[in-house]
Amino acid sequence: METVVQKWGNSLGIRIPRGIALEFHLKNGTPVDIVEEDDRIVIRPRITKKLKDMLDAIDDKNSHAEVKTSGKAGSEIW
């Protein structure tokens, strides 16, 4: 699919055709990552993880033991 790079303020922008936006569930404001791979520009939706999903992934194999701390080390207030 071909599109045109256009000036957008002081930057450049690319319009994403509706069909591609629908296929990848892109909406106005969807965060994306732009990276260079093998001399190509790749735009991909940013995968964001929800806190609940990250907490649900914690188990005995990937959690650390309790960390003991001592008293004050500086001028912090306890």
C-alpha atoms as a PDB file:
ATOM      1  CA  MET A   1       0.000   0.000   0.000  1.00  0.00           C
ATOM      2  CA  GLU A   2       1.346   3.413  -0.877  1.00  0.00           C
ATOM      3  CA  THR A   3       0.888   6.642   1.058  1.00  0.00           C
ATOM      4  CA  VAL A   4       2.647  10.022   1.139  1.00  0.00           C
ATOM      5  CA  VAL A   5       4.761  11.642   3.853  1.00  0.00           C
ATOM      6  CA  GLN A   6       3.310  15.084   4.629  1.00  0.00           C
ATOM      7  CA  LYS A   7       4.379  18.052   6.745  1.00  0.00           C
ATOM      8  CA  TRP A   8       2.583  18.193  10.080  1.00  0.00           C
ATOM      9  CA  GLY A   9       3.667  21.280  12.038  1.00  0.00           C
ATOM     10  CA  ASN A  10       7.454  21.021  12.391  1.00  0.00           C
ATOM     11  CA  SER A  11       7.330  17.245  11.907  1.00  0.00           C
ATOM     12  CA  LEU A  12       6.368  14.811   9.182  1.00  0.00           C
ATOM     13  CA  GLY A  13       3.353  12.533   9.284  1.00  0.00           C
ATOM     14  CA  ILE A  14       1.975   9.500   7.491  1.00  0.00           C
ATOM     15  CA  ARG A  15      -1.730   8.758   7.177  1.00  0.00           C
ATOM     16  CA  ILE A  16      -2.615   5.171   7.958  1.00  0.00           C
ATOM     17  CA  PRO A  17      -5.328   3.912   5.592  1.00  0.00           C
ATOM     18  CA  ARG A  18      -8.638   2.989   7.217  1.00  0.00           C
ATOM     19  CA  GLY A  19      -8.366  -0.709   6.326  1.00  0.00           C
ATOM     20  CA  ILE A  20      -5.020  -1.065   8.085  1.00  0.00           C
ATOM     21  CA  ALA A  21      -6.250   0.968  11.072  1.00  0.00           C
ATOM     22  CA  LEU A  22      -9.235  -1.369  11.421  1.00  0.00           C
ATOM     23  CA  GLU A  23      -7.130  -4.510  10.999  1.00  0.00           C
ATOM     24  CA  PHE A  24      -4.716  -3.454  13.765  1.00  0.00           C
ATOM     25  CA  HIS A  25      -7.387  -1.835  15.988  1.00  0.00           C
ATOM     26  CA  LEU A  26      -5.753   1.621  15.724  1.00  0.00           C
ATOM     27  CA  LYS A  27      -7.719   4.658  16.872  1.00  0.00           C
ATOM     28  CA  ASN A  28      -6.911   8.311  17.322  1.00  0.00           C
ATOM     29  CA  GLY A  29      -4.503   8.405  20.275  1.00  0.00           C
ATOM     30  CA  THR A  30      -3.354   4.765  20.051  1.00  0.00           C
ATOM     31  CA  PRO A  31       0.320   4.655  21.171  1.00  0.00           C
ATOM     32  CA  VAL A  32       2.695   3.168  18.602  1.00  0.00           C
ATOM     33  CA  ASP A  33       6.416   2.461  18.441  1.00  0.00           C
ATOM     34  CA  ILE A  34       8.464   3.504  15.413  1.00  0.00           C
ATOM     35  CA  VAL A  35      11.669   1.500  14.974  1.00  0.00           C
ATOM     36  CA  GLU A  36      14.252   0.865  12.296  1.00  0.00           C
ATOM     37  CA  GLU A  37      14.681  -2.768  11.277  1.00  0.00           C
ATOM     38  CA  ASP A  38      16.974  -3.775   8.432  1.00  0.00           C
ATOM     39  CA  ASP A  39      16.921  -0.301   6.832  1.00  0.00           C
ATOM     40  CA  ARG A  40      13.115  -0.147   7.093  1.00  0.00           C
ATOM     41  CA  ILE A  41      10.809   1.984   9.207  1.00  0.00           C
ATOM     42  CA  VAL A  42       8.401  -0.220  11.166  1.00  0.00           C
ATOM     43  CA  ILE A  43       5.349   1.193  12.938  1.00  0.00           C
ATOM     44  CA  ARG A  44       3.679  -1.153  15.395  1.00  0.00           C
ATOM     45  CA  PRO A  45       1.072  -0.715  18.115  1.00  0.00           C
ATOM     46  CA  ARG A  46       2.640  -0.405  21.555  1.00  0.00           C
ATOM     47  CA  ILE A  47       1.738  -3.360  23.716  1.00  0.00           C
ATOM     48  CA  THR A  48       0.769  -2.068  27.125  1.00  0.00           C
ATOM     49  CA  LYS A  49       0.429  -4.404  30.047  1.00  0.00           C
ATOM     50  CA  LYS A  50      -2.171  -3.902  32.711  1.00  0.00           C
ATOM     51  CA  LEU A  51      -1.091  -4.017  36.372  1.00  0.00           C
ATOM     52  CA  LYS A  52      -3.517  -6.871  37.115  1.00  0.00           C
ATOM     53  CA  ASP A  53      -1.992  -8.977  34.317  1.00  0.00           C
ATOM     54  CA  MET A  54       1.535  -8.333  35.607  1.00  0.00           C
ATOM     55  CA  LEU A  55       0.554  -9.170  39.216  1.00  0.00           C
ATOM     56  CA  ASP A  56      -1.238 -12.332  38.076  1.00  0.00           C
ATOM     57  CA  ALA A  57       2.040 -13.477  36.463  1.00  0.00           C
ATOM     58  CA  ILE A  58       3.910 -13.470  39.801  1.00  0.00           C
ATOM     59  CA  ASP A  59       4.507 -16.949  41.196  1.00  0.00           C
ATOM     60  CA  ASP A  60       6.990 -18.780  43.446  1.00  0.00           C
ATOM     61  CA  LYS A  61       9.484 -19.150  40.586  1.00  0.00           C
ATOM     62  CA  ASN A  62       9.789 -15.456  39.712  1.00  0.00           C
ATOM     63  CA  SER A  63       9.311 -13.645  43.019  1.00  0.00           C
ATOM     64  CA  HIS A  64      12.131 -12.759  45.360  1.00  0.00           C
ATOM     65  CA  ALA A  65      12.402 -13.281  49.072  1.00  0.00           C
ATOM     66  CA  GLU A  66      11.657 -10.592  51.597  1.00  0.00           C
ATOM     67  CA  VAL A  67      14.330  -7.887  51.700  1.00  0.00           C
ATOM     68  CA  LYS A  68      15.478  -6.913  55.189  1.00  0.00           C
ATOM     69  CA  THR A  69      16.419  -3.285  55.692  1.00  0.00           C
ATOM     70  CA  SER A  70      18.181  -1.546  58.531  1.00  0.00           C
ATOM     71  CA  GLY A  71      17.561   1.789  60.178  1.00  0.00           C
ATOM     72  CA  LYS A  72      17.988   5.245  58.754  1.00  0.00           C
ATOM     73  CA  ALA A  73      20.798   5.740  56.271  1.00  0.00           C
ATOM     74  CA  GLY A  74      20.532   9.506  55.880  1.00  0.00           C
ATOM     75  CA  SER A  75      18.187  12.287  56.854  1.00  0.00           C
ATOM     76  CA  GLU A  76      14.935  10.624  55.734  1.00  0.00           C
ATOM     77  CA  ILE A  77      11.926  10.881  58.015  1.00  0.00           C
ATOM     78  CA  TRP A  78      10.399   7.607  59.285  1.00  0.00           C
END
